[in-house]
Amino acid sequence: MTATGSFDIKLEPQKDSDAPAGRMIIRKTYSGDLAATAIGQMLSKRIKGGAAAYSAVEEVSGTLAGKTGSFTLIHYGFMSQQERKLEVYVLPGSGTGELSNISGTLDIIQAGGKHEYVFKYVL
C-alpha cells in the first residue's frame, strides 16, 4: 500500500559542546493518508566542502489507513558533491496497536520549503 501527504517539522538544537556531531530533537505533524505526530532525535555532521550525514530515530503515533497505533522510523542519510542518499524505514517489530505488523519505507520530498512523503508499507 502507499500513503502520501505532507508534514511540518520543528527542529530543536541541543547543546552537546563536547560531541563531534550536532544533536536535535525532531517534532513532526503528519497530514494526508498518515495523520500522526512524531518525536525523535537526530545526529548530524557537516564537514568543510559540504559533505554531510545524519541519522535519526523517530517515534510516530497516529492513524494510517483507518488503523491507529505507533511505530518507529529509522533515518540514514548523507550527501556530497557527487551523490545524495536517504533511507527511512520502519524498525521491524516496532508497531503497536492496529499497526503492530507494519513494515515499510518512507521517501521524503523536500521542495520550496515544504516536506512531502510517500510511505510504502504493508500491514
PDB file of N, CA and C in Angstrom:
ATOM      1  N   MET A   1       0.838  -1.172   0.000  1.00  0.00           N
ATOM      2  CA  MET A   1       0.000   0.000   0.000  1.00  0.00           C
ATOM      3  C   MET A   1       0.889   1.243   0.000  1.00  0.00           C
ATOM      4  N   THR A   2       0.330   2.352  -0.428  1.00  0.00           N
ATOM      5  CA  THR A   2       1.076   3.611  -0.479  1.00  0.00           C
ATOM      6  C   THR A   2       0.258   4.716   0.166  1.00  0.00           C
ATOM      7  N   ALA A   3       0.896   5.458   1.068  1.00  0.00           N
ATOM      8  CA  ALA A   3       0.289   6.625   1.709  1.00  0.00           C
ATOM      9  C   ALA A   3       1.089   7.853   1.303  1.00  0.00           C
ATOM     10  N   THR A   4       0.391   8.957   1.039  1.00  0.00           N
ATOM     11  CA  THR A   4       1.071  10.199   0.673  1.00  0.00           C
ATOM     12  C   THR A   4       0.509  11.349   1.489  1.00  0.00           C
ATOM     13  N   GLY A   5       1.286  12.407   1.571  1.00  0.00           N
ATOM     14  CA  GLY A   5       0.855  13.601   2.285  1.00  0.00           C
ATOM     15  C   GLY A   5       2.026  14.517   2.541  1.00  0.00           C
ATOM     16  N   SER A   6       1.876  15.339   3.566  1.00  0.00           N
ATOM     17  CA  SER A   6       2.928  16.294   3.905  1.00  0.00           C
ATOM     18  C   SER A   6       3.168  16.261   5.408  1.00  0.00           C
ATOM     19  N   PHE A   7       4.233  16.925   5.828  1.00  0.00           N
ATOM     20  CA  PHE A   7       4.467  17.059   7.263  1.00  0.00           C
ATOM     21  C   PHE A   7       5.141  18.386   7.556  1.00  0.00           C
ATOM     22  N   ASP A   8       4.844  18.880   8.742  1.00  0.00           N
ATOM     23  CA  ASP A   8       5.524  20.048   9.287  1.00  0.00           C
ATOM     24  C   ASP A   8       6.551  19.541  10.271  1.00  0.00           C
ATOM     25  N   ILE A   9       7.693  20.220  10.316  1.00  0.00           N
ATOM     26  CA  ILE A   9       8.774  19.781  11.186  1.00  0.00           C
ATOM     27  C   ILE A   9       9.318  20.948  11.990  1.00  0.00           C
ATOM     28  N   LYS A  10       9.647  20.662  13.233  1.00  0.00           N
ATOM     29  CA  LYS A  10      10.291  21.638  14.106  1.00  0.00           C
ATOM     30  C   LYS A  10      11.551  20.971  14.646  1.00  0.00           C
ATOM     31  N   LEU A  11      12.695  21.626  14.458  1.00  0.00           N
ATOM     32  CA  LEU A  11      13.974  21.110  14.940  1.00  0.00           C
ATOM     33  C   LEU A  11      14.418  21.936  16.137  1.00  0.00           C
ATOM     34  N   GLU A  12      14.796  21.257  17.210  1.00  0.00           N
ATOM     35  CA  GLU A  12      15.236  21.919  18.428  1.00  0.00           C
ATOM     36  C   GLU A  12      16.683  21.520  18.709  1.00  0.00           C
ATOM     37  N   PRO A  13      17.657  22.388  18.356  1.00  0.00           N
ATOM     38  CA  PRO A  13      19.060  22.067  18.605  1.00  0.00           C
ATOM     39  C   PRO A  13      19.326  21.838  20.098  1.00  0.00           C
ATOM     40  N   GLN A  14      20.153  20.837  20.380  1.00  0.00           N
ATOM     41  CA  GLN A  14      20.533  20.510  21.748  1.00  0.00           C
ATOM     42  C   GLN A  14      22.008  20.836  21.937  1.00  0.00           C
ATOM     43  N   LYS A  15      22.382  21.237  23.135  1.00  0.00           N
ATOM     44  CA  LYS A  15      23.776  21.606  23.404  1.00  0.00           C
ATOM     45  C   LYS A  15      24.557  20.387  23.869  1.00  0.00           C
ATOM     46  N   ASP A  16      25.520  19.999  23.079  1.00  0.00           N
ATOM     47  CA  ASP A  16      26.460  18.926  23.394  1.00  0.00           C
ATOM     48  C   ASP A  16      27.837  19.423  22.979  1.00  0.00           C
ATOM     49  N   SER A  17      28.407  20.325  23.743  1.00  0.00           N
ATOM     50  CA  SER A  17      29.631  21.013  23.318  1.00  0.00           C
ATOM     51  C   SER A  17      30.818  20.078  23.102  1.00  0.00           C
ATOM     52  N   ASP A  18      30.855  18.932  23.755  1.00  0.00           N
ATOM     53  CA  ASP A  18      31.981  18.010  23.589  1.00  0.00           C
ATOM     54  C   ASP A  18      31.750  16.974  22.495  1.00  0.00           C
ATOM     55  N   ALA A  19      30.565  16.931  21.939  1.00  0.00           N
ATOM     56  CA  ALA A  19      30.238  15.908  20.946  1.00  0.00           C
ATOM     57  C   ALA A  19      30.761  16.303  19.561  1.00  0.00           C
ATOM     58  N   PRO A  20      31.169  15.308  18.752  1.00  0.00           N
ATOM     59  CA  PRO A  20      31.679  15.599  17.411  1.00  0.00           C
ATOM     60  C   PRO A  20      30.586  15.849  16.371  1.00  0.00           C
ATOM     61  N   ALA A  21      29.326  15.717  16.773  1.00  0.00           N
ATOM     62  CA  ALA A  21      28.206  15.915  15.844  1.00  0.00           C
ATOM     63  C   ALA A  21      27.125  16.724  16.545  1.00  0.00           C
ATOM     64  N   GLY A  22      26.263  17.348  15.745  1.00  0.00           N
ATOM     65  CA  GLY A  22      25.143  18.089  16.307  1.00  0.00           C
ATOM     66  C   GLY A  22      23.989  17.159  16.637  1.00  0.00           C
ATOM     67  N   ARG A  23      23.206  17.538  17.645  1.00  0.00           N
ATOM     68  CA  ARG A  23      22.052  16.731  18.041  1.00  0.00           C
ATOM     69  C   ARG A  23      20.830  17.632  18.091  1.00  0.00           C
ATOM     70  N   MET A  24      19.709  17.125  17.588  1.00  0.00           N
ATOM     71  CA  MET A  24      18.460  17.888  17.592  1.00  0.00           C
ATOM     72  C   MET A  24      17.296  17.001  17.992  1.00  0.00           C
ATOM     73  N   ILE A  25      16.320  17.610  18.656  1.00  0.00           N
ATOM     74  CA  ILE A  25      15.031  16.966  18.878  1.00  0.00           C
ATOM     75  C   ILE A  25      14.176  17.292  17.656  1.00  0.00           C
ATOM     76  N   ILE A  26      13.478  16.298  17.127  1.00  0.00           N
ATOM     77  CA  ILE A  26      12.609  16.453  15.958  1.00  0.00           C
ATOM     78  C   ILE A  26      11.160  16.335  16.426  1.00  0.00           C
ATOM     79  N   ARG A  27      10.331  17.281  16.014  1.00  0.00           N
ATOM     80  CA  ARG A  27       8.886  17.192  16.270  1.00  0.00           C
ATOM     81  C   ARG A  27       8.181  17.361  14.930  1.00  0.00           C
ATOM     82  N   LYS A  28       7.313  16.412  14.593  1.00  0.00           N
ATOM     83  CA  LYS A  28       6.620  16.446  13.303  1.00  0.00           C
ATOM     84  C   LYS A  28       5.117  16.287  13.491  1.00  0.00           C
ATOM     85  N   THR A  29       4.389  16.870  12.554  1.00  0.00           N
ATOM     86  CA  THR A  29       2.956  16.638  12.421  1.00  0.00           C
ATOM     87  C   THR A  29       2.710  16.194  10.986  1.00  0.00           C
ATOM     88  N   TYR A  30       2.257  14.951  10.832  1.00  0.00           N
ATOM     89  CA  TYR A  30       1.960  14.394   9.513  1.00  0.00           C
ATOM     90  C   TYR A  30       0.493  14.634   9.169  1.00  0.00           C
ATOM     91  N   SER A  31       0.232  14.965   7.906  1.00  0.00           N
ATOM     92  CA  SER A  31      -1.142  15.070   7.416  1.00  0.00           C
ATOM     93  C   SER A  31      -1.231  14.328   6.088  1.00  0.00           C
ATOM     94  N   GLY A  32      -2.449  14.053   5.677  1.00  0.00           N
ATOM     95  CA  GLY A  32      -2.661  13.255   4.475  1.00  0.00           C
ATOM     96  C   GLY A  32      -3.115  11.869   4.873  1.00  0.00           C
ATOM     97  N   ASP A  33      -2.629  10.859   4.177  1.00  0.00           N
ATOM     98  CA  ASP A  33      -3.020   9.480   4.467  1.00  0.00           C
ATOM     99  C   ASP A  33      -2.531   9.009   5.831  1.00  0.00           C
ATOM    100  N   LEU A  34      -1.461   9.598   6.324  1.00  0.00           N
ATOM    101  CA  LEU A  34      -0.951   9.346   7.672  1.00  0.00           C
ATOM    102  C   LEU A  34      -1.259  10.584   8.503  1.00  0.00           C
ATOM    103  N   ALA A  35      -2.146  10.445   9.467  1.00  0.00           N
ATOM    104  CA  ALA A  35      -2.488  11.547  10.378  1.00  0.00           C
ATOM    105  C   ALA A  35      -1.826  11.220  11.706  1.00  0.00           C
ATOM    106  N   ALA A  36      -0.706  11.896  12.005  1.00  0.00           N
ATOM    107  CA  ALA A  36       0.087  11.479  13.152  1.00  0.00           C
ATOM    108  C   ALA A  36       0.965  12.612  13.667  1.00  0.00           C
ATOM    109  N   THR A  37       1.466  12.406  14.875  1.00  0.00           N
ATOM    110  CA  THR A  37       2.516  13.256  15.420  1.00  0.00           C
ATOM    111  C   THR A  37       3.728  12.365  15.649  1.00  0.00           C
ATOM    112  N   ALA A  38       4.888  12.995  15.700  1.00  0.00           N
ATOM    113  CA  ALA A  38       6.117  12.231  15.887  1.00  0.00           C
ATOM    114  C   ALA A  38       7.113  13.044  16.695  1.00  0.00           C
ATOM    115  N   ILE A  39       7.939  12.337  17.434  1.00  0.00           N
ATOM    116  CA  ILE A  39       9.052  12.954  18.142  1.00  0.00           C
ATOM    117  C   ILE A  39      10.261  12.045  17.959  1.00  0.00           C
ATOM    118  N   GLY A  40      11.426  12.654  17.814  1.00  0.00           N
ATOM    119  CA  GLY A  40      12.628  11.867  17.623  1.00  0.00           C
ATOM    120  C   GLY A  40      13.876  12.655  17.929  1.00  0.00           C
ATOM    121  N   GLN A  41      15.007  12.009  17.702  1.00  0.00           N
ATOM    122  CA  GLN A  41      16.308  12.647  17.858  1.00  0.00           C
ATOM    123  C   GLN A  41      17.125  12.420  16.602  1.00  0.00           C
ATOM    124  N   MET A  42      17.899  13.437  16.253  1.00  0.00           N
ATOM    125  CA  MET A  42      18.737  13.381  15.066  1.00  0.00           C
ATOM    126  C   MET A  42      20.168  13.740  15.445  1.00  0.00           C
ATOM    127  N   LEU A  43      21.116  13.004  14.913  1.00  0.00           N
ATOM    128  CA  LEU A  43      22.535  13.342  14.979  1.00  0.00           C
ATOM    129  C   LEU A  43      22.971  13.721  13.580  1.00  0.00           C
ATOM    130  N   SER A  44      23.741  14.800  13.456  1.00  0.00           N
ATOM    131  CA  SER A  44      24.182  15.223  12.125  1.00  0.00           C
ATOM    132  C   SER A  44      25.604  15.754  12.180  1.00  0.00           C
ATOM    133  N   LYS A  45      26.270  15.683  11.043  1.00  0.00           N
ATOM    134  CA  LYS A  45      27.651  16.155  10.919  1.00  0.00           C
ATOM    135  C   LYS A  45      27.835  16.725   9.523  1.00  0.00           C
ATOM    136  N   ARG A  46      28.375  17.928   9.443  1.00  0.00           N
ATOM    137  CA  ARG A  46      28.712  18.555   8.162  1.00  0.00           C
ATOM    138  C   ARG A  46      30.202  18.886   8.213  1.00  0.00           C
ATOM    139  N   ILE A  47      30.900  18.645   7.098  1.00  0.00           N
ATOM    140  CA  ILE A  47      32.327  18.946   7.044  1.00  0.00           C
ATOM    141  C   ILE A  47      32.597  20.001   5.987  1.00  0.00           C
ATOM    142  N   LYS A  48      33.802  20.550   6.028  1.00  0.00           N
ATOM    143  CA  LYS A  48      34.195  21.527   5.009  1.00  0.00           C
ATOM    144  C   LYS A  48      34.056  20.883   3.641  1.00  0.00           C
ATOM    145  N   GLY A  49      33.603  21.645   2.679  1.00  0.00           N
ATOM    146  CA  GLY A  49      33.370  21.114   1.345  1.00  0.00           C
ATOM    147  C   GLY A  49      31.927  20.708   1.135  1.00  0.00           C
ATOM    148  N   GLY A  50      31.134  20.705   2.221  1.00  0.00           N
ATOM    149  CA  GLY A  50      29.703  20.494   2.076  1.00  0.00           C
ATOM    150  C   GLY A  50      29.177  19.099   2.317  1.00  0.00           C
ATOM    151  N   ALA A  51      30.040  18.094   2.454  1.00  0.00           N
ATOM    152  CA  ALA A  51      29.529  16.746   2.715  1.00  0.00           C
ATOM    153  C   ALA A  51      28.874  16.720   4.090  1.00  0.00           C
ATOM    154  N   ALA A  52      27.810  15.933   4.209  1.00  0.00           N
ATOM    155  CA  ALA A  52      27.076  15.863   5.472  1.00  0.00           C
ATOM    156  C   ALA A  52      26.437  14.491   5.618  1.00  0.00           C
ATOM    157  N   ALA A  53      26.169  14.128   6.877  1.00  0.00           N
ATOM    158  CA  ALA A  53      25.491  12.868   7.167  1.00  0.00           C
ATOM    159  C   ALA A  53      24.554  13.082   8.345  1.00  0.00           C
ATOM    160  N   TYR A  54      23.489  12.268   8.383  1.00  0.00           N
ATOM    161  CA  TYR A  54      22.622  12.305   9.559  1.00  0.00           C
ATOM    162  C   TYR A  54      21.983  10.954   9.790  1.00  0.00           C
ATOM    163  N   SER A  55      21.623  10.716  11.028  1.00  0.00           N
ATOM    164  CA  SER A  55      20.815   9.559  11.385  1.00  0.00           C
ATOM    165  C   SER A  55      19.790  10.027  12.408  1.00  0.00           C
ATOM    166  N   ALA A  56      18.660   9.353  12.448  1.00  0.00           N
ATOM    167  CA  ALA A  56      17.605   9.748  13.375  1.00  0.00           C
ATOM    168  C   ALA A  56      16.744   8.547  13.732  1.00  0.00           C
ATOM    169  N   VAL A  57      16.132   8.644  14.898  1.00  0.00           N
ATOM    170  CA  VAL A  57      15.131   7.694  15.355  1.00  0.00           C
ATOM    171  C   VAL A  57      13.885   8.512  15.656  1.00  0.00           C
ATOM    172  N   GLU A  58      12.758   8.129  15.072  1.00  0.00           N
ATOM    173  CA  GLU A  58      11.519   8.906  15.158  1.00  0.00           C
ATOM    174  C   GLU A  58      10.363   7.996  15.581  1.00  0.00           C
ATOM    175  N   GLU A  59       9.668   8.357  16.644  1.00  0.00           N
ATOM    176  CA  GLU A  59       8.500   7.620  17.125  1.00  0.00           C
ATOM    177  C   GLU A  59       7.245   8.282  16.561  1.00  0.00           C
ATOM    178  N   VAL A  60       6.475   7.552  15.772  1.00  0.00           N
ATOM    179  CA  VAL A  60       5.285   8.066  15.095  1.00  0.00           C
ATOM    180  C   VAL A  60       4.044   7.456  15.747  1.00  0.00           C
ATOM    181  N   SER A  61       3.078   8.307  16.113  1.00  0.00           N
ATOM    182  CA  SER A  61       1.825   7.840  16.719  1.00  0.00           C
ATOM    183  C   SER A  61       0.650   8.479  15.999  1.00  0.00           C
ATOM    184  N   GLY A  62      -0.296   7.651  15.543  1.00  0.00           N
ATOM    185  CA  GLY A  62      -1.449   8.224  14.857  1.00  0.00           C
ATOM    186  C   GLY A  62      -2.266   7.180  14.132  1.00  0.00           C
ATOM    187  N   THR A  63      -2.857   7.611  13.011  1.00  0.00           N
ATOM    188  CA  THR A  63      -3.761   6.770  12.236  1.00  0.00           C
ATOM    189  C   THR A  63      -3.281   6.666  10.790  1.00  0.00           C
ATOM    190  N   LEU A  64      -3.240   5.439  10.299  1.00  0.00           N
ATOM    191  CA  LEU A  64      -2.837   5.147   8.924  1.00  0.00           C
ATOM    192  C   LEU A  64      -3.859   4.177   8.347  1.00  0.00           C
ATOM    193  N   ALA A  65      -4.465   4.538   7.239  1.00  0.00           N
ATOM    194  CA  ALA A  65      -5.468   3.683   6.584  1.00  0.00           C
ATOM    195  C   ALA A  65      -6.568   3.265   7.563  1.00  0.00           C
ATOM    196  N   GLY A  66      -6.974   4.197   8.433  1.00  0.00           N
ATOM    197  CA  GLY A  66      -8.040   3.923   9.386  1.00  0.00           C
ATOM    198  C   GLY A  66      -7.630   3.090  10.581  1.00  0.00           C
ATOM    199  N   LYS A  67      -6.349   2.774  10.690  1.00  0.00           N
ATOM    200  CA  LYS A  67      -5.846   1.965  11.798  1.00  0.00           C
ATOM    201  C   LYS A  67      -4.972   2.834  12.700  1.00  0.00           C
ATOM    202  N   THR A  68      -5.150   2.681  14.013  1.00  0.00           N
ATOM    203  CA  THR A  68      -4.456   3.515  14.988  1.00  0.00           C
ATOM    204  C   THR A  68      -3.362   2.724  15.691  1.00  0.00           C
ATOM    205  N   GLY A  69      -2.234   3.379  15.916  1.00  0.00           N
ATOM    206  CA  GLY A  69      -1.119   2.760  16.616  1.00  0.00           C
ATOM    207  C   GLY A  69       0.115   3.620  16.497  1.00  0.00           C
ATOM    208  N   SER A  70       1.253   2.992  16.698  1.00  0.00           N
ATOM    209  CA  SER A  70       2.522   3.708  16.597  1.00  0.00           C
ATOM    210  C   SER A  70       3.578   2.796  15.983  1.00  0.00           C
ATOM    211  N   PHE A  71       4.680   3.411  15.555  1.00  0.00           N
ATOM    212  CA  PHE A  71       5.814   2.672  15.006  1.00  0.00           C
ATOM    213  C   PHE A  71       7.034   3.580  15.018  1.00  0.00           C
ATOM    214  N   THR A  72       8.189   2.983  14.834  1.00  0.00           N
ATOM    215  CA  THR A  72       9.455   3.710  14.846  1.00  0.00           C
ATOM    216  C   THR A  72      10.014   3.788  13.437  1.00  0.00           C
ATOM    217  N   LEU A  73      10.417   4.997  13.033  1.00  0.00           N
ATOM    218  CA  LEU A  73      11.125   5.193  11.766  1.00  0.00           C
ATOM    219  C   LEU A  73      12.608   5.397  12.055  1.00  0.00           C
ATOM    220  N   ILE A  74      13.453   4.754  11.262  1.00  0.00           N
ATOM    221  CA  ILE A  74      14.902   4.908  11.333  1.00  0.00           C
ATOM    222  C   ILE A  74      15.338   5.650  10.079  1.00  0.00           C
ATOM    223  N   HIS A  75      16.116   6.726  10.255  1.00  0.00           N
ATOM    224  CA  HIS A  75      16.606   7.545   9.142  1.00  0.00           C
ATOM    225  C   HIS A  75      18.120   7.374   9.012  1.00  0.00           C
ATOM    226  N   TYR A  76      18.596   7.324   7.780  1.00  0.00           N
ATOM    227  CA  TYR A  76      20.025   7.348   7.492  1.00  0.00           C
ATOM    228  C   TYR A  76      20.204   8.127   6.199  1.00  0.00           C
ATOM    229  N   GLY A  77      21.011   9.175   6.248  1.00  0.00           N
ATOM    230  CA  GLY A  77      21.215   9.960   5.036  1.00  0.00           C
ATOM    231  C   GLY A  77      22.603  10.560   4.954  1.00  0.00           C
ATOM    232  N   PHE A  78      23.056  10.786   3.728  1.00  0.00           N
ATOM    233  CA  PHE A  78      24.303  11.521   3.517  1.00  0.00           C
ATOM    234  C   PHE A  78      24.236  12.232   2.181  1.00  0.00           C
ATOM    235  N   MET A  79      25.070  13.246   2.052  1.00  0.00           N
ATOM    236  CA  MET A  79      25.180  13.939   0.772  1.00  0.00           C
ATOM    237  C   MET A  79      26.607  14.426   0.612  1.00  0.00           C
ATOM    238  N   SER A  80      27.028  14.458  -0.632  1.00  0.00           N
ATOM    239  CA  SER A  80      28.329  15.005  -1.004  1.00  0.00           C
ATOM    240  C   SER A  80      28.136  15.713  -2.336  1.00  0.00           C
ATOM    241  N   GLN A  81      29.211  16.218  -2.892  1.00  0.00           N
ATOM    242  CA  GLN A  81      29.096  16.859  -4.200  1.00  0.00           C
ATOM    243  C   GLN A  81      28.738  15.842  -5.283  1.00  0.00           C
ATOM    244  N   GLN A  82      29.071  14.579  -5.054  1.00  0.00           N
ATOM    245  CA  GLN A  82      28.832  13.543  -6.059  1.00  0.00           C
ATOM    246  C   GLN A  82      27.463  12.872  -5.948  1.00  0.00           C
ATOM    247  N   GLU A  83      26.937  12.730  -4.733  1.00  0.00           N
ATOM    248  CA  GLU A  83      25.687  11.989  -4.596  1.00  0.00           C
ATOM    249  C   GLU A  83      24.940  12.350  -3.323  1.00  0.00           C
ATOM    250  N   ARG A  84      23.675  11.942  -3.309  1.00  0.00           N
ATOM    251  CA  ARG A  84      22.802  12.088  -2.142  1.00  0.00           C
ATOM    252  C   ARG A  84      22.104  10.753  -1.925  1.00  0.00           C
ATOM    253  N   LYS A  85      21.932  10.395  -0.668  1.00  0.00           N
ATOM    254  CA  LYS A  85      21.219   9.160  -0.365  1.00  0.00           C
ATOM    255  C   LYS A  85      20.449   9.354   0.936  1.00  0.00           C
ATOM    256  N   LEU A  86      19.215   8.903   0.947  1.00  0.00           N
ATOM    257  CA  LEU A  86      18.395   8.952   2.154  1.00  0.00           C
ATOM    258  C   LEU A  86      17.561   7.683   2.223  1.00  0.00           C
ATOM    259  N   GLU A  87      17.645   6.995   3.345  1.00  0.00           N
ATOM    260  CA  GLU A  87      16.831   5.813   3.599  1.00  0.00           C
ATOM    261  C   GLU A  87      16.061   6.038   4.890  1.00  0.00           C
ATOM    262  N   VAL A  88      14.758   5.835   4.837  1.00  0.00           N
ATOM    263  CA  VAL A  88      13.914   5.901   6.029  1.00  0.00           C
ATOM    264  C   VAL A  88      13.054   4.643   6.009  1.00  0.00           C
ATOM    265  N   TYR A  89      13.130   3.854   7.073  1.00  0.00           N
ATOM    266  CA  TYR A  89      12.380   2.606   7.091  1.00  0.00           C
ATOM    267  C   TYR A  89      11.777   2.359   8.469  1.00  0.00           C
ATOM    268  N   VAL A  90      10.744   1.546   8.506  1.00  0.00           N
ATOM    269  CA  VAL A  90      10.112   1.159   9.762  1.00  0.00           C
ATOM    270  C   VAL A  90      11.005   0.138  10.462  1.00  0.00           C
ATOM    271  N   LEU A  91      11.300   0.384  11.730  1.00  0.00           N
ATOM    272  CA  LEU A  91      12.065  -0.570  12.523  1.00  0.00           C
ATOM    273  C   LEU A  91      11.217  -1.832  12.702  1.00  0.00           C
ATOM    274  N   PRO A  92      11.699  -2.975  12.212  1.00  0.00           N
ATOM    275  CA  PRO A  92      10.905  -4.205  12.310  1.00  0.00           C
ATOM    276  C   PRO A  92      10.512  -4.502  13.760  1.00  0.00           C
ATOM    277  N   GLY A  93       9.239  -4.845  13.949  1.00  0.00           N
ATOM    278  CA  GLY A  93       8.745  -5.198  15.274  1.00  0.00           C
ATOM    279  C   GLY A  93       8.343  -4.022  16.143  1.00  0.00           C
ATOM    280  N   SER A  94       8.456  -2.795  15.624  1.00  0.00           N
ATOM    281  CA  SER A  94       8.178  -1.609  16.448  1.00  0.00           C
ATOM    282  C   SER A  94       6.709  -1.201  16.465  1.00  0.00           C
ATOM    283  N   GLY A  95       5.884  -1.770  15.604  1.00  0.00           N
ATOM    284  CA  GLY A  95       4.487  -1.372  15.519  1.00  0.00           C
ATOM    285  C   GLY A  95       3.686  -1.757  16.753  1.00  0.00           C
ATOM    286  N   THR A  96       2.701  -0.892  17.107  1.00  0.00           N
ATOM    287  CA  THR A  96       1.809  -1.173  18.231  1.00  0.00           C
ATOM    288  C   THR A  96       0.364  -0.997  17.782  1.00  0.00           C
ATOM    289  N   GLY A  97      -0.557  -1.467  18.627  1.00  0.00           N
ATOM    290  CA  GLY A  97      -1.979  -1.310  18.332  1.00  0.00           C
ATOM    291  C   GLY A  97      -2.341  -1.971  17.018  1.00  0.00           C
ATOM    292  N   GLU A  98      -3.177  -1.294  16.246  1.00  0.00           N
ATOM    293  CA  GLU A  98      -3.613  -1.833  14.958  1.00  0.00           C
ATOM    294  C   GLU A  98      -2.515  -1.773  13.897  1.00  0.00           C
ATOM    295  N   LEU A  99      -1.384  -1.161  14.226  1.00  0.00           N
ATOM    296  CA  LEU A  99      -0.236  -1.091  13.304  1.00  0.00           C
ATOM    297  C   LEU A  99       0.875  -2.049  13.735  1.00  0.00           C
ATOM    298  N   SER A 100       0.525  -3.056  14.537  1.00  0.00           N
ATOM    299  CA  SER A 100       1.544  -3.922  15.142  1.00  0.00           C
ATOM    300  C   SER A 100       2.382  -4.696  14.131  1.00  0.00           C
ATOM    301  N   ASN A 101       1.874  -4.975  12.957  1.00  0.00           N
ATOM    302  CA  ASN A 101       2.637  -5.745  11.965  1.00  0.00           C
ATOM    303  C   ASN A 101       3.197  -4.886  10.838  1.00  0.00           C
ATOM    304  N   ILE A 102       3.277  -3.584  11.035  1.00  0.00           N
ATOM    305  CA  ILE A 102       3.683  -2.692   9.952  1.00  0.00           C
ATOM    306  C   ILE A 102       5.151  -2.879   9.565  1.00  0.00           C
ATOM    307  N   SER A 103       5.403  -2.751   8.270  1.00  0.00           N
ATOM    308  CA  SER A 103       6.763  -2.673   7.729  1.00  0.00           C
ATOM    309  C   SER A 103       6.696  -1.716   6.552  1.00  0.00           C
ATOM    310  N   GLY A 104       7.848  -1.166   6.163  1.00  0.00           N
ATOM    311  CA  GLY A 104       7.828  -0.291   5.000  1.00  0.00           C
ATOM    312  C   GLY A 104       8.958   0.707   4.960  1.00  0.00           C
ATOM    313  N   THR A 105       8.915   1.528   3.911  1.00  0.00           N
ATOM    314  CA  THR A 105       9.910   2.577   3.706  1.00  0.00           C
ATOM    315  C   THR A 105       9.192   3.888   3.410  1.00  0.00           C
ATOM    316  N   LEU A 106       9.836   4.985   3.780  1.00  0.00           N
ATOM    317  CA  LEU A 106       9.248   6.303   3.595  1.00  0.00           C
ATOM    318  C   LEU A 106      10.215   7.167   2.800  1.00  0.00           C
ATOM    319  N   ASP A 107       9.729   7.757   1.723  1.00  0.00           N
ATOM    320  CA  ASP A 107      10.516   8.700   0.927  1.00  0.00           C
ATOM    321  C   ASP A 107      10.094  10.109   1.301  1.00  0.00           C
ATOM    322  N   ILE A 108      11.077  10.997   1.471  1.00  0.00           N
ATOM    323  CA  ILE A 108      10.824  12.397   1.792  1.00  0.00           C
ATOM    324  C   ILE A 108      11.155  13.237   0.572  1.00  0.00           C
ATOM    325  N   ILE A 109      10.214  14.094   0.182  1.00  0.00           N
ATOM    326  CA  ILE A 109      10.413  15.021  -0.935  1.00  0.00           C
ATOM    327  C   ILE A 109      10.400  16.422  -0.346  1.00  0.00           C
ATOM    328  N   GLN A 110      11.518  17.124  -0.512  1.00  0.00           N
ATOM    329  CA  GLN A 110      11.637  18.477   0.036  1.00  0.00           C
ATOM    330  C   GLN A 110      11.817  19.446  -1.117  1.00  0.00           C
ATOM    331  N   ALA A 111      10.895  20.412  -1.222  1.00  0.00           N
ATOM    332  CA  ALA A 111      10.977  21.410  -2.287  1.00  0.00           C
ATOM    333  C   ALA A 111      10.248  22.668  -1.845  1.00  0.00           C
ATOM    334  N   GLY A 112      10.861  23.800  -2.105  1.00  0.00           N
ATOM    335  CA  GLY A 112      10.220  25.070  -1.801  1.00  0.00           C
ATOM    336  C   GLY A 112       9.897  25.261  -0.337  1.00  0.00           C
ATOM    337  N   GLY A 113      10.710  24.686   0.548  1.00  0.00           N
ATOM    338  CA  GLY A 113      10.479  24.824   1.976  1.00  0.00           C
ATOM    339  C   GLY A 113       9.387  23.922   2.529  1.00  0.00           C
ATOM    340  N   LYS A 114       8.828  23.046   1.682  1.00  0.00           N
ATOM    341  CA  LYS A 114       7.771  22.134   2.119  1.00  0.00           C
ATOM    342  C   LYS A 114       8.296  20.705   2.129  1.00  0.00           C
ATOM    343  N   HIS A 115       7.709  19.885   2.984  1.00  0.00           N
ATOM    344  CA  HIS A 115       8.077  18.476   3.087  1.00  0.00           C
ATOM    345  C   HIS A 115       6.872  17.611   2.742  1.00  0.00           C
ATOM    346  N   GLU A 116       7.066  16.684   1.825  1.00  0.00           N
ATOM    347  CA  GLU A 116       6.041  15.707   1.483  1.00  0.00           C
ATOM    348  C   GLU A 116       6.616  14.310   1.673  1.00  0.00           C
ATOM    349  N   TYR A 117       5.737  13.325   1.816  1.00  0.00           N
ATOM    350  CA  TYR A 117       6.197  11.949   1.989  1.00  0.00           C
ATOM    351  C   TYR A 117       5.428  11.005   1.069  1.00  0.00           C
ATOM    352  N   VAL A 118       6.089   9.916   0.731  1.00  0.00           N
ATOM    353  CA  VAL A 118       5.468   8.767   0.072  1.00  0.00           C
ATOM    354  C   VAL A 118       5.864   7.569   0.931  1.00  0.00           C
ATOM    355  N   PHE A 119       4.893   6.970   1.578  1.00  0.00           N
ATOM    356  CA  PHE A 119       5.119   5.885   2.526  1.00  0.00           C
ATOM    357  C   PHE A 119       4.601   4.594   1.904  1.00  0.00           C
ATOM    358  N   LYS A 120       5.516   3.691   1.560  1.00  0.00           N
ATOM    359  CA  LYS A 120       5.159   2.379   1.011  1.00  0.00           C
ATOM    360  C   LYS A 120       5.215   1.386   2.168  1.00  0.00           C
ATOM    361  N   TYR A 121       4.085   0.773   2.471  1.00  0.00           N
ATOM    362  CA  TYR A 121       4.012  -0.043   3.675  1.00  0.00           C
ATOM    363  C   TYR A 121       3.138  -1.280   3.470  1.00  0.00           C
ATOM    364  N   VAL A 122       3.305  -2.213   4.408  1.00  0.00           N
ATOM    365  CA  VAL A 122       2.493  -3.424   4.477  1.00  0.00           C
ATOM    366  C   VAL A 122       2.023  -3.549   5.920  1.00  0.00           C
ATOM    367  N   LEU A 123       0.749  -3.883   6.104  1.00  0.00           N
ATOM    368  CA  LEU A 123       0.203  -4.111   7.455  1.00  0.00           C
ATOM    369  C   LEU A 123      -0.019  -5.601   7.689  1.00  0.00           C
TER     370      LEU A 123
END
